[in-house]
Amino acid sequence: MMSEDELEEIRRRKLAAIREQALREQVQEHQRAELEAQKEAILRQILTPEARARLMNIKMVKPELAEQIELQLIQLAGSGRLRGRVTDEQLKSLLLQIQGRERERKISFR
């Protein structure tokens, strides 16, 4: 049978482990929030207000698609391949290209 001191030591270790895990999660969440803020700042610079509104609407319905579009736009901006801000029409065109590729992948032969 364990002594009271042994039980207390186990409790202390368990509590320390829980606190450490909570701290790690807090740091990760802070890093995620920071990256998200940076991404939003870049998108604000490269998208017109109409295009940003469309992207936000897409994000509500299809978050994975919006993430894919955001990353692609940021890569284009980073490589210097964007001339001026992306308009709503240009964003629609990009959406059609991406959705066309998605449809091609979903086609299966029976």
N, C-alpha and C. Protein backbone atom coordinates (compact mmCIF):
# COMPACT_ATOMS: atom_id res chain seq x y z
N MET A 1 0.84 -1.18 0.00
CA MET A 1 0.00 0.00 0.00
C MET A 1 0.89 1.25 0.00
N MET A 2 0.45 2.29 -0.74
CA MET A 2 1.24 3.51 -0.84
C MET A 2 1.06 4.38 0.39
N SER A 3 2.14 5.06 0.72
CA SER A 3 2.05 5.98 1.84
C SER A 3 1.42 7.29 1.38
N GLU A 4 1.02 8.09 2.33
CA GLU A 4 0.42 9.38 2.04
C GLU A 4 1.40 10.28 1.27
N ASP A 5 2.69 10.20 1.62
CA ASP A 5 3.71 11.01 0.93
C ASP A 5 3.85 10.60 -0.52
N GLU A 6 3.81 9.29 -0.78
CA GLU A 6 3.92 8.79 -2.16
C GLU A 6 2.73 9.26 -2.99
N LEU A 7 1.55 9.18 -2.41
CA LEU A 7 0.35 9.64 -3.12
C LEU A 7 0.43 11.14 -3.42
N GLU A 8 0.89 11.90 -2.45
CA GLU A 8 1.03 13.35 -2.63
C GLU A 8 2.04 13.66 -3.74
N GLU A 9 3.15 12.91 -3.80
CA GLU A 9 4.16 13.11 -4.84
C GLU A 9 3.57 12.80 -6.22
N ILE A 10 2.79 11.73 -6.32
CA ILE A 10 2.12 11.38 -7.59
C ILE A 10 1.17 12.49 -8.00
N ARG A 11 0.41 13.02 -7.04
CA ARG A 11 -0.52 14.12 -7.33
C ARG A 11 0.24 15.35 -7.84
N ARG A 12 1.36 15.66 -7.17
CA ARG A 12 2.15 16.83 -7.57
C ARG A 12 2.69 16.67 -8.99
N ARG A 13 3.20 15.48 -9.29
CA ARG A 13 3.72 15.23 -10.65
C ARG A 13 2.62 15.34 -11.69
N LYS A 14 1.48 14.75 -11.38
CA LYS A 14 0.34 14.78 -12.30
C LYS A 14 -0.09 16.23 -12.55
N LEU A 15 -0.19 17.01 -11.49
CA LEU A 15 -0.59 18.42 -11.61
C LEU A 15 0.45 19.20 -12.42
N ALA A 16 1.72 18.95 -12.18
CA ALA A 16 2.78 19.62 -12.94
C ALA A 16 2.69 19.27 -14.42
N ALA A 17 2.41 18.00 -14.73
CA ALA A 17 2.28 17.57 -16.13
C ALA A 17 1.09 18.25 -16.79
N ILE A 18 -0.01 18.35 -16.06
CA ILE A 18 -1.21 19.00 -16.61
C ILE A 18 -0.93 20.48 -16.88
N ARG A 19 -0.26 21.14 -15.94
CA ARG A 19 0.07 22.57 -16.12
C ARG A 19 1.00 22.76 -17.32
N GLU A 20 1.99 21.88 -17.45
CA GLU A 20 2.93 21.96 -18.56
C GLU A 20 2.22 21.80 -19.90
N GLN A 21 1.30 20.83 -19.96
CA GLN A 21 0.53 20.59 -21.18
C GLN A 21 -0.33 21.82 -21.52
N ALA A 22 -0.96 22.40 -20.50
CA ALA A 22 -1.80 23.58 -20.72
C ALA A 22 -0.96 24.75 -21.24
N LEU A 23 0.24 24.90 -20.69
CA LEU A 23 1.13 25.97 -21.14
C LEU A 23 1.55 25.76 -22.59
N ARG A 24 1.88 24.51 -22.95
CA ARG A 24 2.25 24.21 -24.35
C ARG A 24 1.10 24.52 -25.29
N GLU A 25 -0.11 24.14 -24.90
CA GLU A 25 -1.28 24.41 -25.74
C GLU A 25 -1.52 25.91 -25.89
N GLN A 26 -1.30 26.64 -24.80
CA GLN A 26 -1.47 28.09 -24.84
C GLN A 26 -0.47 28.73 -25.80
N VAL A 27 0.77 28.28 -25.77
CA VAL A 27 1.81 28.80 -26.66
C VAL A 27 1.46 28.47 -28.11
N GLN A 28 1.02 27.24 -28.36
CA GLN A 28 0.65 26.85 -29.73
C GLN A 28 -0.52 27.70 -30.23
N GLU A 29 -1.51 27.93 -29.38
CA GLU A 29 -2.66 28.74 -29.77
C GLU A 29 -2.23 30.17 -30.08
N HIS A 30 -1.32 30.69 -29.29
CA HIS A 30 -0.81 32.05 -29.52
C HIS A 30 -0.08 32.11 -30.86
N GLN A 31 0.72 31.10 -31.17
CA GLN A 31 1.43 31.06 -32.45
C GLN A 31 0.45 30.97 -33.62
N ARG A 32 -0.59 30.14 -33.46
CA ARG A 32 -1.61 30.03 -34.52
C ARG A 32 -2.30 31.37 -34.74
N ALA A 33 -2.65 32.05 -33.65
CA ALA A 33 -3.32 33.35 -33.76
C ALA A 33 -2.41 34.37 -34.44
N GLU A 34 -1.13 34.34 -34.11
CA GLU A 34 -0.18 35.26 -34.71
C GLU A 34 -0.06 35.02 -36.22
N LEU A 35 0.05 33.75 -36.60
CA LEU A 35 0.13 33.42 -38.04
C LEU A 35 -1.14 33.83 -38.77
N GLU A 36 -2.28 33.61 -38.14
CA GLU A 36 -3.56 33.99 -38.74
C GLU A 36 -3.62 35.50 -38.94
N ALA A 37 -3.16 36.26 -37.96
CA ALA A 37 -3.15 37.72 -38.06
C ALA A 37 -2.24 38.19 -39.20
N GLN A 38 -1.08 37.55 -39.34
CA GLN A 38 -0.16 37.88 -40.43
C GLN A 38 -0.81 37.58 -41.77
N LYS A 39 -1.46 36.43 -41.86
CA LYS A 39 -2.12 36.04 -43.10
C LYS A 39 -3.23 37.04 -43.45
N GLU A 40 -4.01 37.44 -42.46
CA GLU A 40 -5.08 38.41 -42.70
C GLU A 40 -4.52 39.75 -43.17
N ALA A 41 -3.40 40.17 -42.59
CA ALA A 41 -2.79 41.44 -42.99
C ALA A 41 -2.34 41.39 -44.45
N ILE A 42 -1.75 40.28 -44.84
CA ILE A 42 -1.30 40.11 -46.23
C ILE A 42 -2.50 40.12 -47.17
N LEU A 43 -3.54 39.37 -46.81
CA LEU A 43 -4.73 39.31 -47.66
C LEU A 43 -5.40 40.68 -47.78
N ARG A 44 -5.39 41.47 -46.70
CA ARG A 44 -5.95 42.81 -46.75
C ARG A 44 -5.20 43.67 -47.76
N GLN A 45 -3.89 43.43 -47.88
CA GLN A 45 -3.08 44.22 -48.81
C GLN A 45 -3.28 43.78 -50.26
N ILE A 46 -3.50 42.48 -50.49
CA ILE A 46 -3.52 41.99 -51.87
C ILE A 46 -4.93 41.81 -52.45
N LEU A 47 -5.98 41.91 -51.62
CA LEU A 47 -7.34 41.74 -52.13
C LEU A 47 -8.12 43.05 -52.04
N THR A 48 -8.97 43.28 -53.03
CA THR A 48 -9.89 44.41 -52.93
C THR A 48 -10.94 44.06 -51.87
N PRO A 49 -11.65 45.06 -51.33
CA PRO A 49 -12.67 44.77 -50.32
C PRO A 49 -13.73 43.77 -50.81
N GLU A 50 -14.11 43.86 -52.08
CA GLU A 50 -15.11 42.93 -52.63
C GLU A 50 -14.58 41.50 -52.66
N ALA A 51 -13.32 41.37 -53.06
CA ALA A 51 -12.71 40.04 -53.12
C ALA A 51 -12.56 39.46 -51.71
N ARG A 52 -12.19 40.30 -50.74
CA ARG A 52 -12.08 39.82 -49.35
C ARG A 52 -13.43 39.37 -48.83
N ALA A 53 -14.49 40.12 -49.17
CA ALA A 53 -15.84 39.74 -48.72
C ALA A 53 -16.23 38.38 -49.31
N ARG A 54 -15.91 38.17 -50.58
CA ARG A 54 -16.23 36.89 -51.22
C ARG A 54 -15.44 35.76 -50.53
N LEU A 55 -14.18 36.00 -50.26
CA LEU A 55 -13.35 34.99 -49.61
C LEU A 55 -13.88 34.66 -48.21
N MET A 56 -14.35 35.66 -47.48
CA MET A 56 -14.92 35.42 -46.15
C MET A 56 -16.20 34.57 -46.26
N ASN A 57 -17.01 34.84 -47.28
CA ASN A 57 -18.21 34.04 -47.49
C ASN A 57 -17.85 32.59 -47.79
N ILE A 58 -16.84 32.40 -48.62
CA ILE A 58 -16.39 31.05 -48.95
C ILE A 58 -15.89 30.35 -47.69
N LYS A 59 -15.18 31.10 -46.87
CA LYS A 59 -14.60 30.53 -45.65
C LYS A 59 -15.69 29.99 -44.72
N MET A 60 -16.84 30.65 -44.71
CA MET A 60 -17.94 30.19 -43.85
C MET A 60 -18.53 28.88 -44.35
N VAL A 61 -18.57 28.71 -45.67
CA VAL A 61 -19.20 27.53 -46.26
C VAL A 61 -18.21 26.39 -46.49
N LYS A 62 -17.04 26.74 -47.03
CA LYS A 62 -16.02 25.74 -47.35
C LYS A 62 -14.66 26.20 -46.83
N PRO A 63 -14.39 26.01 -45.53
CA PRO A 63 -13.14 26.52 -44.96
C PRO A 63 -11.88 25.94 -45.61
N GLU A 64 -11.93 24.68 -46.05
CA GLU A 64 -10.75 24.06 -46.68
C GLU A 64 -10.44 24.74 -48.01
N LEU A 65 -11.47 25.03 -48.78
CA LEU A 65 -11.29 25.70 -50.07
C LEU A 65 -10.75 27.11 -49.86
N ALA A 66 -11.29 27.82 -48.88
CA ALA A 66 -10.82 29.17 -48.59
C ALA A 66 -9.35 29.15 -48.18
N GLU A 67 -8.96 28.18 -47.37
CA GLU A 67 -7.57 28.06 -46.93
C GLU A 67 -6.66 27.82 -48.14
N GLN A 68 -7.09 26.96 -49.05
CA GLN A 68 -6.32 26.67 -50.25
C GLN A 68 -6.15 27.94 -51.10
N ILE A 69 -7.21 28.71 -51.24
CA ILE A 69 -7.16 29.94 -52.03
C ILE A 69 -6.24 30.96 -51.35
N GLU A 70 -6.39 31.11 -50.03
CA GLU A 70 -5.55 32.06 -49.30
C GLU A 70 -4.07 31.73 -49.48
N LEU A 71 -3.72 30.47 -49.31
CA LEU A 71 -2.32 30.08 -49.45
C LEU A 71 -1.80 30.33 -50.86
N GLN A 72 -2.64 30.03 -51.85
CA GLN A 72 -2.23 30.25 -53.24
C GLN A 72 -2.01 31.74 -53.50
N LEU A 73 -2.92 32.58 -53.01
CA LEU A 73 -2.78 34.03 -53.20
C LEU A 73 -1.52 34.56 -52.52
N ILE A 74 -1.26 34.08 -51.30
CA ILE A 74 -0.08 34.54 -50.57
C ILE A 74 1.20 34.09 -51.29
N GLN A 75 1.19 32.88 -51.85
CA GLN A 75 2.35 32.41 -52.61
C GLN A 75 2.57 33.26 -53.85
N LEU A 76 1.48 33.58 -54.55
CA LEU A 76 1.59 34.42 -55.74
C LEU A 76 2.15 35.80 -55.38
N ALA A 77 1.66 36.36 -54.28
CA ALA A 77 2.13 37.68 -53.84
C ALA A 77 3.60 37.60 -53.44
N GLY A 78 3.95 36.55 -52.74
CA GLY A 78 5.33 36.39 -52.28
C GLY A 78 6.33 36.23 -53.42
N SER A 79 5.87 35.63 -54.50
CA SER A 79 6.77 35.42 -55.64
C SER A 79 6.74 36.59 -56.62
N GLY A 80 5.93 37.61 -56.30
CA GLY A 80 5.88 38.80 -57.14
C GLY A 80 5.06 38.63 -58.40
N ARG A 81 4.21 37.60 -58.45
CA ARG A 81 3.42 37.36 -59.67
C ARG A 81 2.07 38.05 -59.66
N LEU A 82 1.77 38.83 -58.63
CA LEU A 82 0.52 39.59 -58.61
C LEU A 82 0.79 41.02 -59.03
N ARG A 83 0.01 41.49 -59.97
CA ARG A 83 0.12 42.89 -60.39
C ARG A 83 -1.07 43.62 -59.79
N GLY A 84 -0.82 44.45 -58.82
CA GLY A 84 -1.91 45.18 -58.17
C GLY A 84 -2.70 44.27 -57.25
N ARG A 85 -3.84 44.78 -56.82
CA ARG A 85 -4.69 44.01 -55.92
C ARG A 85 -5.58 43.06 -56.71
N VAL A 86 -5.90 41.93 -56.10
CA VAL A 86 -6.77 40.93 -56.74
C VAL A 86 -8.21 41.42 -56.61
N THR A 87 -8.88 41.51 -57.75
CA THR A 87 -10.28 41.96 -57.76
C THR A 87 -11.21 40.78 -57.55
N ASP A 88 -12.47 41.09 -57.36
CA ASP A 88 -13.49 40.05 -57.19
C ASP A 88 -13.56 39.17 -58.43
N GLU A 89 -13.46 39.78 -59.61
CA GLU A 89 -13.51 39.00 -60.85
C GLU A 89 -12.32 38.05 -60.96
N GLN A 90 -11.13 38.52 -60.59
CA GLN A 90 -9.96 37.65 -60.62
C GLN A 90 -10.09 36.51 -59.62
N LEU A 91 -10.67 36.80 -58.46
CA LEU A 91 -10.88 35.76 -57.45
C LEU A 91 -11.88 34.72 -57.96
N LYS A 92 -12.94 35.19 -58.62
CA LYS A 92 -13.90 34.25 -59.21
C LYS A 92 -13.22 33.33 -60.22
N SER A 93 -12.35 33.89 -61.04
CA SER A 93 -11.61 33.11 -62.03
C SER A 93 -10.74 32.06 -61.36
N LEU A 94 -10.04 32.46 -60.30
CA LEU A 94 -9.21 31.52 -59.54
C LEU A 94 -10.07 30.40 -58.95
N LEU A 95 -11.23 30.77 -58.43
CA LEU A 95 -12.15 29.78 -57.87
C LEU A 95 -12.58 28.76 -58.92
N LEU A 96 -12.91 29.25 -60.10
CA LEU A 96 -13.32 28.34 -61.17
C LEU A 96 -12.20 27.38 -61.55
N GLN A 97 -10.96 27.88 -61.58
CA GLN A 97 -9.81 27.02 -61.89
C GLN A 97 -9.66 25.93 -60.83
N ILE A 98 -9.72 26.33 -59.57
CA ILE A 98 -9.55 25.36 -58.48
C ILE A 98 -10.69 24.36 -58.47
N GLN A 99 -11.91 24.83 -58.64
CA GLN A 99 -13.06 23.91 -58.64
C GLN A 99 -13.01 22.98 -59.84
N GLY A 100 -12.49 23.45 -60.97
CA GLY A 100 -12.34 22.58 -62.14
C GLY A 100 -11.38 21.44 -61.85
N ARG A 101 -10.28 21.75 -61.15
CA ARG A 101 -9.32 20.70 -60.79
C ARG A 101 -9.94 19.72 -59.80
N GLU A 102 -10.74 20.24 -58.87
CA GLU A 102 -11.39 19.36 -57.89
C GLU A 102 -12.34 18.40 -58.60
N ARG A 103 -13.09 18.91 -59.55
CA ARG A 103 -14.05 18.06 -60.28
C ARG A 103 -13.32 16.97 -61.06
N GLU A 104 -12.18 17.36 -61.67
CA GLU A 104 -11.40 16.36 -62.44
C GLU A 104 -10.94 15.22 -61.55
N ARG A 105 -10.57 15.53 -60.31
CA ARG A 105 -10.09 14.49 -59.39
C ARG A 105 -11.23 13.59 -58.92
N LYS A 106 -12.44 14.14 -58.89
CA LYS A 106 -13.57 13.37 -58.37
C LYS A 106 -14.17 12.42 -59.41
N ILE A 107 -13.82 12.62 -60.66
CA ILE A 107 -14.36 11.77 -61.72
C ILE A 107 -13.79 10.37 -61.56
N SER A 108 -14.66 9.39 -61.54
CA SER A 108 -14.18 8.01 -61.42
C SER A 108 -14.84 7.18 -62.52
N PHE A 109 -14.12 6.19 -62.96
CA PHE A 109 -14.63 5.31 -64.01
C PHE A 109 -15.16 4.05 -63.36
N ARG A 110 -16.34 3.64 -63.82
CA ARG A 110 -16.96 2.46 -63.23
C ARG A 110 -16.90 1.29 -64.17
